[in-house]
Amino acid sequence: MDLSRNPERLVELLPDGWAGSGALFRGLAAALRHLVDEGELAPGVRLPSERRLAAALALSRSTVVAAYDELRADGTLASRRGSGTRVAKRAGGGRRLGHELRRGQADSVFARLSRGPGSVISLAYAADAGAPELAEALRDVIADDLPHLLSDAGYHPRGLYALREQIAVHISGLGLPTSPDEVVVTTGAHQAIALTAQMYLRPGSTVVVESPSWPGCFDLFSAHGARTVGVPLDEEGMRPDLLAAALAEHEPDLLFVMPSFHNPTGRLMSASRRRRIAELARQHDVAVVEDLAYSGRIGTRGELPPPLGALAPRGGEVLTIGSLSKSVWGGLRVGWLRAEEPVAARFARHKALADLGTPVLDQAVAVRLLPRLAELEQTQAQSAARRLRHLTGLLEQSLPDWRWEPPVGGSALWIELPEADAGAFAQVALRHEVEVVAGRTTDPSGRHDSFIRLPFTYPPDVLTEAVHRLTRAWADFRRHGPAPEQESPLV
């Protein structure tokens, strides 16, 4: 692994609280030594130059120089003119960790999930607490459904038929007529995207996505050797003129879009734009994946445009993905994929190989909740609107130079920082114990580097404390820099 030109990847590996309360160079040295000892940085890995790492961390170059010097002195790092600084051949604890983990653009998001809660307020993911109706549904499953469920073997790769019936009714209600045989239940929308990538992609494939987009999908696609190409948005969604050019130039295997409350911008793609995108995909013989997991609404309730699958011309191939994770609870890992029956059958075979089927008890709970989904979404939307008002009020008072467009839906603000590198600011914020997602991770080309995503799914007291920490971090950031070539101390 060569990190010399990608210091952001190294930064994402650093453990929480590495800066500590002492000298920053000692904290950085200890953090890098920990990565080596734990096998995250293998012998021979080339590290970024002092200047590059300092810029990525919003530190002075002298701080990184001192940290590298300490690690060279104890044998952790070795430097040679012309080849840079590398992890020493005999460094580390000799752990045998198997193949090196593939690094991706969503590393920081998934790293936070795997580390678990701590003193850092993580705004890296947008997730609500579970709906109270879950407890009632679970009690009903135990009281009424469990004996019947236990009499069965429990393997249902396509999903419980009763759940597929409910999902078909739900999707039909969105304007896309659907039968249970066109539905496969998945372990969340994440698995649906992952299995779709497995079906359609191979090394050398290309996927066209919105720019910005959800960084996790980039990693799912790159895991199969595919590259992503981003197409910018306007107020109605992905720009069709630029999409047409991208389809003609790159001849992709897949087009991935989030038409209903796009993540991270919260925009809603118009019906005419959906139809045009479906037409372009058909003209270029590209399968479309539409992710409708973000279905909650903010403000007054209104009708959503039909899914792309309902607007696609004859012969177009559209796979529609949905989930209960955003509208009910992230811990209820129930999602689905809707496709024409032959495609759904092929998808079900991939699902069977992956895990033999989504847990049956989760599916039974989902059967009880799906008929109430519109009610649950409306309750969630009202709560989200209150939290959004709370968050924007805090930002307007404490950080008045930050800019954003009010989202139509979704769960986050897409904020532009004035004349700032959001990646560098994210490092300063982390040292103030609040984590944000920098915009460059949401773009396959690394653009949008002046934006951050700020979810409003957290309780008001958490949002208040998060803004308090961000305000202190922003003051430090603006007072001290950063400038990549600067030698004076930063924060």
Protein backbone atom coordinates (compact mmCIF):
# COMPACT_ATOMS: atom_id res chain seq x y z
CA MET A 1 0.00 0.00 0.00
CA ASP A 2 1.26 3.45 -0.92
CA LEU A 3 -0.24 6.30 1.09
CA SER A 4 2.25 8.89 -0.05
CA ARG A 5 -0.23 10.65 -2.36
CA ASN A 6 -3.36 9.96 -0.35
CA PRO A 7 -2.84 11.26 3.18
CA GLU A 8 -6.61 11.39 3.77
CA ARG A 9 -6.68 7.58 3.89
CA LEU A 10 -4.05 7.57 6.62
CA VAL A 11 -5.92 10.25 8.54
CA GLU A 12 -9.09 8.12 8.51
CA LEU A 13 -7.22 5.28 10.21
CA LEU A 14 -6.10 7.34 13.20
CA PRO A 15 -7.82 6.32 16.47
CA ASP A 16 -10.18 8.61 18.34
CA GLY A 17 -8.60 11.06 20.74
CA TRP A 18 -5.11 10.69 19.30
CA ALA A 19 -4.38 14.40 19.87
CA GLY A 20 -4.87 14.01 23.63
CA SER A 21 -3.99 16.88 25.95
CA GLY A 22 -0.21 16.82 25.59
CA ALA A 23 2.15 17.71 22.76
CA LEU A 24 0.49 17.07 19.41
CA PHE A 25 3.58 15.50 17.86
CA ARG A 26 3.73 12.89 20.63
CA GLY A 27 0.04 12.09 20.21
CA LEU A 28 0.49 11.69 16.46
CA ALA A 29 3.56 9.50 16.91
CA ALA A 30 1.70 7.28 19.39
CA ALA A 31 -1.27 6.98 17.01
CA LEU A 32 0.90 5.97 14.06
CA ARG A 33 2.83 3.51 16.25
CA HIS A 34 -0.49 1.98 17.30
CA LEU A 35 -1.52 1.50 13.65
CA VAL A 36 1.76 -0.28 12.97
CA ASP A 37 1.52 -2.48 16.07
CA GLU A 38 -2.05 -3.47 15.21
CA GLY A 39 -1.15 -4.38 11.64
CA GLU A 40 -3.15 -1.58 10.01
CA LEU A 41 0.10 -0.24 8.53
CA ALA A 42 2.19 -3.13 7.29
CA PRO A 43 5.99 -3.12 6.93
CA GLY A 44 6.99 -1.37 3.73
CA VAL A 45 3.93 0.90 3.49
CA ARG A 46 4.97 4.30 2.18
CA LEU A 47 3.64 7.22 4.22
CA PRO A 48 2.78 10.73 3.05
CA SER A 49 5.41 13.42 3.19
CA GLU A 50 5.45 15.68 6.25
CA ARG A 51 3.97 18.51 4.21
CA ARG A 52 1.08 16.42 2.79
CA LEU A 53 0.17 14.85 6.12
CA ALA A 54 0.34 18.23 7.86
CA ALA A 55 -2.10 19.70 5.34
CA ALA A 56 -4.51 16.76 5.72
CA LEU A 57 -4.44 17.06 9.52
CA ALA A 58 -4.49 20.87 9.61
CA LEU A 59 -1.26 20.84 11.62
CA SER A 60 2.04 22.62 11.22
CA ARG A 61 4.65 20.74 9.22
CA SER A 62 7.00 20.92 12.22
CA THR A 63 4.53 18.84 14.25
CA VAL A 64 4.56 16.02 11.70
CA VAL A 65 8.35 16.27 11.30
CA ALA A 66 8.76 15.82 15.06
CA ALA A 67 6.38 12.82 15.07
CA TYR A 68 8.21 11.14 12.18
CA ASP A 69 11.56 11.82 13.86
CA GLU A 70 10.38 10.10 17.03
CA LEU A 71 9.21 7.07 15.06
CA ARG A 72 12.46 6.86 13.12
CA ALA A 73 14.37 6.98 16.37
CA ASP A 74 12.51 3.99 17.83
CA GLY A 75 12.68 1.97 14.61
CA THR A 76 9.01 2.20 13.63
CA LEU A 77 9.72 4.20 10.46
CA ALA A 78 12.63 4.30 8.07
CA SER A 79 13.49 6.95 5.49
CA ARG A 80 15.79 6.88 2.51
CA ARG A 81 16.46 9.65 0.03
CA GLY A 82 14.39 9.15 -3.10
CA SER A 83 11.98 6.61 -1.62
CA GLY A 84 10.31 8.63 1.13
CA THR A 85 9.28 7.44 4.57
CA ARG A 86 8.06 3.89 5.06
CA VAL A 87 7.06 1.57 7.87
CA ALA A 88 10.22 -0.27 8.86
CA LYS A 89 10.52 -3.88 7.74
CA ARG A 90 10.73 -5.19 11.29
CA ALA A 91 8.15 -2.84 12.78
CA GLY A 92 4.90 -3.91 14.38
CA GLY A 93 3.74 -6.79 16.49
CA GLY A 94 3.83 -9.39 13.76
CA ARG A 95 0.05 -9.89 13.70
CA ARG A 96 -1.25 -12.12 10.93
CA LEU A 97 -4.41 -10.36 9.72
CA GLY A 98 -4.92 -12.04 6.35
CA HIS A 99 -5.46 -9.92 3.27
CA GLU A 100 -5.22 -6.20 3.73
CA LEU A 101 -8.62 -4.49 4.03
CA ARG A 102 -9.54 -2.63 0.86
CA ARG A 103 -9.67 1.08 1.60
CA GLY A 104 -12.51 3.17 0.24
CA GLN A 105 -14.18 6.55 0.34
CA ALA A 106 -16.56 5.59 3.15
CA ASP A 107 -13.81 4.42 5.51
CA SER A 108 -14.54 7.10 8.08
CA VAL A 109 -18.26 6.28 8.18
CA PHE A 110 -17.77 2.53 8.57
CA ALA A 111 -14.86 2.98 10.97
CA ARG A 112 -17.10 4.96 13.30
CA LEU A 113 -19.77 2.25 13.22
CA SER A 114 -17.22 -0.47 13.99
CA ARG A 115 -15.58 1.48 16.83
CA GLY A 116 -18.85 2.05 18.63
CA PRO A 117 -19.87 4.97 20.83
CA GLY A 118 -17.33 7.09 22.66
CA SER A 119 -16.74 10.68 23.68
CA VAL A 120 -16.82 11.85 20.06
CA ILE A 121 -20.18 13.06 18.74
CA SER A 122 -20.23 11.40 15.37
CA LEU A 123 -22.21 13.12 12.65
CA ALA A 124 -20.83 10.65 10.12
CA TYR A 125 -24.12 8.83 9.69
CA ALA A 126 -27.79 9.84 9.81
CA ALA A 127 -29.91 7.45 11.84
CA ASP A 128 -32.97 7.95 14.01
CA ALA A 129 -33.81 6.08 17.17
CA GLY A 130 -36.21 3.18 16.70
CA ALA A 131 -39.92 3.91 16.27
CA PRO A 132 -41.91 3.03 19.41
CA GLU A 133 -44.27 0.92 17.27
CA LEU A 134 -41.45 -1.60 16.98
CA ALA A 135 -42.01 -2.85 20.53
CA GLU A 136 -45.70 -3.45 19.86
CA ALA A 137 -44.93 -5.31 16.61
CA LEU A 138 -42.33 -7.45 18.33
CA ARG A 139 -44.74 -8.39 21.13
CA ASP A 140 -47.37 -9.38 18.57
CA VAL A 141 -44.88 -11.54 16.68
CA ILE A 142 -43.90 -13.39 19.85
CA ALA A 143 -47.51 -13.82 20.96
CA ASP A 144 -49.14 -14.73 17.67
CA ASP A 145 -46.58 -15.67 15.01
CA LEU A 146 -43.74 -17.48 16.74
CA PRO A 147 -45.20 -21.01 16.87
CA HIS A 148 -45.91 -20.97 13.13
CA LEU A 149 -42.50 -19.49 12.31
CA LEU A 150 -40.68 -22.09 14.42
CA SER A 151 -42.45 -24.94 12.63
CA ASP A 152 -40.63 -23.95 9.43
CA ALA A 153 -36.95 -24.54 8.53
CA GLY A 154 -36.37 -20.77 8.54
CA TYR A 155 -34.57 -20.47 5.18
CA HIS A 156 -36.28 -18.02 2.84
CA PRO A 157 -33.74 -16.54 0.39
CA ARG A 158 -36.43 -14.60 -1.48
CA GLY A 159 -38.11 -13.52 1.76
CA LEU A 160 -41.28 -14.53 3.58
CA TYR A 161 -44.14 -14.55 1.13
CA ALA A 162 -46.32 -12.51 3.50
CA LEU A 163 -43.64 -9.81 3.59
CA ARG A 164 -43.18 -9.83 -0.18
CA GLU A 165 -46.93 -9.36 -0.52
CA GLN A 166 -46.80 -6.33 1.76
CA ILE A 167 -43.80 -4.86 -0.06
CA ALA A 168 -45.53 -5.38 -3.42
CA VAL A 169 -48.58 -3.47 -2.12
CA HIS A 170 -46.30 -0.68 -0.85
CA ILE A 171 -44.41 -0.31 -4.14
CA SER A 172 -47.64 -0.49 -6.14
CA GLY A 173 -48.93 2.37 -3.98
CA LEU A 174 -45.94 4.46 -5.11
CA GLY A 175 -47.12 4.10 -8.71
CA LEU A 176 -45.10 1.04 -9.80
CA PRO A 177 -47.39 -2.04 -10.13
CA THR A 178 -45.60 -4.94 -8.47
CA SER A 179 -46.26 -8.61 -7.71
CA PRO A 180 -44.68 -10.61 -4.84
CA ASP A 181 -42.63 -12.61 -7.39
CA GLU A 182 -40.91 -9.37 -8.44
CA VAL A 183 -39.66 -8.73 -4.88
CA VAL A 184 -36.64 -10.12 -3.02
CA VAL A 185 -36.19 -9.29 0.66
CA THR A 186 -32.65 -8.23 1.63
CA THR A 187 -30.75 -7.50 4.81
CA GLY A 188 -31.14 -3.76 4.41
CA ALA A 189 -30.76 -1.57 1.32
CA HIS A 190 -26.98 -1.88 1.72
CA GLN A 191 -27.10 -5.58 0.87
CA ALA A 192 -29.43 -4.92 -2.05
CA ILE A 193 -26.87 -2.54 -3.56
CA ALA A 194 -24.01 -4.93 -2.80
CA LEU A 195 -25.72 -7.89 -4.49
CA THR A 196 -26.70 -5.76 -7.47
CA ALA A 197 -23.03 -4.82 -7.86
CA GLN A 198 -22.15 -8.50 -7.70
CA MET A 199 -24.65 -9.28 -10.47
CA TYR A 200 -23.74 -6.51 -12.89
CA LEU A 201 -20.12 -5.53 -12.32
CA ARG A 202 -16.73 -7.03 -13.05
CA PRO A 203 -13.17 -5.65 -13.13
CA GLY A 204 -13.10 -2.77 -15.59
CA SER A 205 -16.81 -1.96 -15.31
CA THR A 206 -18.05 1.61 -14.97
CA VAL A 207 -20.92 2.88 -12.82
CA VAL A 208 -22.40 6.33 -13.35
CA VAL A 209 -23.60 8.00 -10.14
CA GLU A 210 -24.86 11.37 -9.01
CA SER A 211 -22.23 13.83 -7.85
CA PRO A 212 -22.29 14.13 -4.90
CA SER A 213 -23.57 10.74 -3.73
CA TRP A 214 -23.37 8.27 -0.85
CA PRO A 215 -19.71 7.21 -0.46
CA GLY A 216 -20.62 3.70 0.67
CA CYS A 217 -21.87 2.83 -2.80
CA PHE A 218 -18.50 3.79 -4.30
CA ASP A 219 -16.83 1.21 -2.10
CA LEU A 220 -19.39 -1.48 -2.94
CA PHE A 221 -18.78 -0.88 -6.63
CA SER A 222 -14.98 -0.69 -6.38
CA ALA A 223 -14.95 -3.99 -4.45
CA HIS A 224 -15.87 -5.60 -7.79
CA GLY A 225 -13.18 -3.73 -9.70
CA ALA A 226 -15.51 -1.06 -11.07
CA ARG A 227 -14.87 2.66 -11.26
CA THR A 228 -17.42 5.38 -10.63
CA VAL A 229 -18.11 8.43 -12.78
CA GLY A 230 -20.07 11.30 -11.27
CA VAL A 231 -22.69 13.47 -12.99
CA PRO A 232 -23.58 16.80 -11.32
CA LEU A 233 -27.06 17.73 -10.10
CA ASP A 234 -29.31 20.72 -10.52
CA GLU A 235 -32.50 21.53 -8.59
CA GLU A 236 -34.41 18.69 -10.31
CA GLY A 237 -31.75 16.00 -9.93
CA MET A 238 -29.08 14.52 -12.17
CA ARG A 239 -28.50 16.73 -15.22
CA PRO A 240 -29.67 14.86 -18.34
CA ASP A 241 -27.33 16.67 -20.73
CA LEU A 242 -24.28 15.65 -18.72
CA LEU A 243 -25.69 12.16 -18.16
CA ALA A 244 -26.11 11.67 -21.91
CA ALA A 245 -22.47 12.68 -22.45
CA ALA A 246 -21.27 10.34 -19.68
CA LEU A 247 -23.27 7.39 -21.03
CA ALA A 248 -21.88 7.94 -24.52
CA GLU A 249 -18.29 8.38 -23.37
CA HIS A 250 -17.99 5.69 -20.70
CA GLU A 251 -20.51 3.02 -21.83
CA PRO A 252 -21.26 2.06 -18.22
CA ASP A 253 -22.73 -1.19 -16.95
CA LEU A 254 -24.86 0.46 -14.29
CA LEU A 255 -26.51 3.78 -13.43
CA PHE A 256 -27.13 4.43 -9.71
CA VAL A 257 -29.48 7.23 -8.59
CA MET A 258 -31.31 8.35 -5.42
CA PRO A 259 -34.32 10.21 -6.85
CA SER A 260 -36.37 10.66 -3.67
CA PHE A 261 -34.53 12.86 -1.18
CA HIS A 262 -31.06 12.43 -2.51
CA ASN A 263 -28.24 11.77 -0.04
CA PRO A 264 -26.55 14.14 0.84
CA THR A 265 -28.38 17.12 -0.74
CA GLY A 266 -31.98 16.21 0.17
CA ARG A 267 -33.22 17.10 -3.34
CA LEU A 268 -36.27 15.50 -4.94
CA MET A 269 -35.98 14.48 -8.60
CA SER A 270 -38.96 15.66 -10.65
CA ALA A 271 -41.17 13.24 -12.57
CA SER A 272 -40.06 14.68 -15.92
CA ARG A 273 -36.42 14.28 -14.94
CA ARG A 274 -37.00 10.67 -13.86
CA ARG A 275 -38.63 9.90 -17.18
CA ARG A 276 -35.78 11.49 -19.13
CA ILE A 277 -33.13 9.59 -17.19
CA ALA A 278 -34.98 6.32 -17.74
CA GLU A 279 -35.19 7.08 -21.47
CA LEU A 280 -31.46 7.83 -21.69
CA ALA A 281 -30.63 4.61 -19.87
CA ARG A 282 -32.79 2.63 -22.30
CA GLN A 283 -31.16 4.30 -25.31
CA HIS A 284 -27.73 3.32 -24.03
CA ASP A 285 -28.85 -0.11 -22.78
CA VAL A 286 -27.82 0.56 -19.18
CA ALA A 287 -29.50 -0.98 -16.15
CA VAL A 288 -30.69 1.56 -13.58
CA VAL A 289 -30.61 1.11 -9.82
CA GLU A 290 -32.86 3.56 -7.95
CA ASP A 291 -32.37 3.73 -4.20
CA LEU A 292 -35.58 4.88 -2.49
CA ALA A 293 -34.42 4.21 1.08
CA TYR A 294 -34.78 7.91 2.01
CA SER A 295 -38.55 8.18 1.83
CA GLY A 296 -39.32 10.43 4.83
CA ARG A 297 -40.61 13.92 4.14
CA ILE A 298 -40.12 17.30 5.79
CA GLY A 299 -42.90 19.85 6.12
CA THR A 300 -46.29 19.42 4.46
CA ARG A 301 -47.09 16.01 3.12
CA GLY A 302 -47.28 15.76 -0.63
CA GLU A 303 -47.33 13.16 -3.35
CA LEU A 304 -43.99 11.85 -4.52
CA PRO A 305 -43.31 11.34 -8.22
CA PRO A 306 -43.54 7.69 -9.29
CA PRO A 307 -40.36 5.59 -9.19
CA LEU A 308 -38.19 5.52 -12.30
CA GLY A 309 -39.34 1.95 -12.85
CA ALA A 310 -42.86 3.23 -13.49
CA LEU A 311 -41.67 5.79 -16.03
CA ALA A 312 -39.13 3.68 -17.93
CA PRO A 313 -39.85 2.91 -21.60
CA ARG A 314 -40.57 -0.65 -22.71
CA GLY A 315 -37.41 -2.74 -22.54
CA GLY A 316 -35.75 -0.57 -19.90
CA GLU A 317 -34.22 -2.41 -16.95
CA VAL A 318 -34.79 -0.68 -13.59
CA LEU A 319 -34.10 -2.18 -10.17
CA THR A 320 -35.89 -0.41 -7.31
CA ILE A 321 -34.45 -0.63 -3.81
CA GLY A 322 -36.17 0.27 -0.55
CA SER A 323 -35.70 -0.23 3.17
CA LEU A 324 -37.23 0.18 6.61
CA SER A 325 -33.94 1.40 8.08
CA LYS A 326 -34.60 5.12 7.60
CA SER A 327 -38.33 5.14 8.33
CA VAL A 328 -38.48 2.64 11.22
CA TRP A 329 -35.04 1.80 12.65
CA GLY A 330 -31.53 1.15 11.39
CA GLY A 331 -31.37 -1.96 13.57
CA LEU A 332 -34.28 -3.55 11.72
CA ARG A 333 -32.22 -4.85 8.82
CA VAL A 334 -35.01 -5.34 6.32
CA GLY A 335 -34.77 -4.00 2.79
CA TRP A 336 -35.90 -5.13 -0.63
CA LEU A 337 -35.23 -5.12 -4.33
CA ARG A 338 -37.96 -4.93 -6.94
CA ALA A 339 -37.21 -6.02 -10.53
CA GLU A 340 -38.86 -7.84 -13.41
CA GLU A 341 -39.38 -11.49 -12.45
CA PRO A 342 -36.42 -13.04 -14.36
CA VAL A 343 -34.04 -10.45 -12.87
CA ALA A 344 -35.53 -10.93 -9.40
CA ALA A 345 -35.05 -14.71 -9.70
CA ARG A 346 -31.38 -14.24 -10.63
CA PHE A 347 -30.94 -11.78 -7.77
CA ALA A 348 -32.49 -14.32 -5.36
CA ARG A 349 -29.79 -16.84 -6.28
CA HIS A 350 -27.11 -14.31 -5.34
CA LYS A 351 -28.98 -13.63 -2.11
CA ALA A 352 -29.10 -17.36 -1.27
CA LEU A 353 -25.34 -17.65 -1.73
CA ALA A 354 -24.77 -14.59 0.48
CA ASP A 355 -26.66 -15.61 3.61
CA LEU A 356 -29.52 -18.06 2.84
CA GLY A 357 -32.03 -15.36 3.74
CA THR A 358 -32.70 -12.33 5.92
CA PRO A 359 -33.50 -13.28 9.56
CA VAL A 360 -37.08 -14.51 9.72
CA LEU A 361 -37.97 -12.78 13.00
CA ASP A 362 -36.96 -9.42 11.54
CA GLN A 363 -39.13 -10.15 8.53
CA ALA A 364 -42.09 -11.07 10.72
CA VAL A 365 -41.79 -7.74 12.53
CA ALA A 366 -41.63 -5.98 9.16
CA VAL A 367 -44.86 -7.72 8.06
CA ARG A 368 -46.60 -6.07 11.00
CA LEU A 369 -45.09 -2.62 10.35
CA LEU A 370 -45.36 -2.22 6.59
CA PRO A 371 -49.13 -1.55 6.54
CA ARG A 372 -48.40 1.40 8.89
CA LEU A 373 -45.41 2.69 6.93
CA ALA A 374 -47.10 5.88 5.66
CA GLU A 375 -48.12 6.75 9.22
CA LEU A 376 -44.61 6.02 10.54
CA GLU A 377 -43.02 8.13 7.80
CA GLN A 378 -45.30 11.07 8.53
CA THR A 379 -44.52 10.93 12.26
CA GLN A 380 -40.81 10.76 11.48
CA ALA A 381 -41.08 13.66 9.03
CA GLN A 382 -42.70 15.86 11.67
CA SER A 383 -39.94 15.01 14.15
CA ALA A 384 -37.29 15.65 11.48
CA ALA A 385 -38.81 19.05 10.69
CA ARG A 386 -38.60 20.07 14.35
CA ARG A 387 -34.99 18.95 14.61
CA LEU A 388 -34.11 20.69 11.37
CA ARG A 389 -35.56 23.96 12.69
CA HIS A 390 -33.58 23.49 15.90
CA LEU A 391 -30.33 22.82 14.03
CA THR A 392 -30.69 25.66 11.54
CA GLY A 393 -31.49 28.07 14.36
CA LEU A 394 -28.29 27.07 16.15
CA LEU A 395 -26.23 27.41 12.98
CA GLU A 396 -27.67 30.79 12.07
CA GLN A 397 -26.79 32.08 15.52
CA SER A 398 -23.37 30.48 16.02
CA LEU A 399 -22.03 29.92 12.48
CA PRO A 400 -23.73 32.58 10.34
CA ASP A 401 -21.21 32.38 7.49
CA TRP A 402 -22.05 28.72 6.73
CA ARG A 403 -24.42 28.30 3.77
CA TRP A 404 -26.97 25.65 2.76
CA GLU A 405 -30.16 25.13 0.76
CA PRO A 406 -33.16 24.00 2.83
CA PRO A 407 -33.61 20.31 1.95
CA VAL A 408 -36.94 19.08 0.58
CA GLY A 409 -36.48 15.82 2.48
CA GLY A 410 -33.93 13.37 3.70
CA SER A 411 -32.01 13.64 6.94
CA ALA A 412 -29.08 16.06 6.57
CA LEU A 413 -27.97 19.55 5.64
CA TRP A 414 -25.47 19.90 2.79
CA ILE A 415 -23.40 22.81 4.05
CA GLU A 416 -20.86 24.88 2.13
CA LEU A 417 -18.00 26.26 4.21
CA PRO A 418 -16.74 29.67 3.04
CA GLU A 419 -13.28 29.49 1.46
CA ALA A 420 -12.32 26.37 3.39
CA ASP A 421 -11.03 22.86 2.82
CA ALA A 422 -13.71 20.76 4.52
CA GLY A 423 -11.35 17.81 4.89
CA ALA A 424 -8.89 19.90 6.88
CA PHE A 425 -11.71 21.38 8.95
CA ALA A 426 -13.00 17.87 9.69
CA GLN A 427 -9.66 17.08 11.35
CA VAL A 428 -9.86 20.18 13.52
CA ALA A 429 -13.46 19.27 14.41
CA LEU A 430 -12.38 15.77 15.38
CA ARG A 431 -9.88 17.24 17.81
CA HIS A 432 -12.86 19.03 19.35
CA GLU A 433 -14.60 15.63 19.61
CA VAL A 434 -17.15 16.01 16.84
CA GLU A 435 -16.96 14.09 13.58
CA VAL A 436 -18.29 15.33 10.24
CA VAL A 437 -18.19 13.89 6.73
CA ALA A 438 -16.19 16.03 4.32
CA GLY A 439 -17.67 16.56 0.88
CA ARG A 440 -14.77 15.11 -1.08
CA THR A 441 -15.71 11.62 0.17
CA THR A 442 -19.10 11.97 -1.55
CA ASP A 443 -17.66 12.61 -5.00
CA PRO A 444 -15.77 9.97 -7.03
CA SER A 445 -13.48 12.72 -8.36
CA GLY A 446 -12.84 14.24 -4.91
CA ARG A 447 -14.65 17.51 -5.67
CA HIS A 448 -17.11 19.21 -3.31
CA ASP A 449 -14.18 19.72 -0.96
CA SER A 450 -15.75 22.83 0.58
CA PHE A 451 -18.88 20.97 1.78
CA ILE A 452 -19.80 18.94 4.83
CA ARG A 453 -22.87 16.82 5.54
CA LEU A 454 -24.60 17.61 8.84
CA PRO A 455 -27.44 15.23 9.84
CA PHE A 456 -30.35 16.48 11.94
CA THR A 457 -31.51 13.02 13.08
CA TYR A 458 -30.05 13.44 16.58
CA PRO A 459 -31.92 14.60 19.72
CA PRO A 460 -31.94 18.39 20.27
CA ASP A 461 -29.48 18.23 23.19
CA VAL A 462 -26.98 16.31 21.06
CA LEU A 463 -27.38 18.76 18.17
CA THR A 464 -26.87 21.66 20.58
CA GLU A 465 -23.64 20.22 21.94
CA ALA A 466 -22.45 19.27 18.45
CA VAL A 467 -22.92 22.83 17.19
CA HIS A 468 -21.15 24.14 20.29
CA ARG A 469 -18.13 21.96 19.50
CA LEU A 470 -18.25 22.82 15.80
CA THR A 471 -18.31 26.51 16.67
CA ARG A 472 -15.14 26.19 18.75
CA ALA A 473 -13.52 24.10 16.03
CA TRP A 474 -14.45 26.65 13.35
CA ALA A 475 -12.98 29.47 15.43
CA ASP A 476 -9.71 27.55 15.79
CA PHE A 477 -9.69 26.66 12.12
CA ARG A 478 -10.26 30.23 10.96
CA ARG A 479 -7.74 31.62 13.39
CA HIS A 480 -4.89 29.31 12.49
CA GLY A 481 -5.24 28.34 8.84
CA PRO A 482 -4.59 25.93 7.32
CA ALA A 483 -2.17 26.57 4.50
CA PRO A 484 -0.31 23.50 3.18
CA GLU A 485 3.07 25.22 2.94
CA GLN A 486 2.73 27.11 6.22
CA GLU A 487 5.42 26.47 8.81
CA SER A 488 3.94 28.35 11.78
CA PRO A 489 1.97 26.30 14.32
CA LEU A 490 -1.63 25.58 13.53
CA VAL A 491 -4.06 23.88 15.89
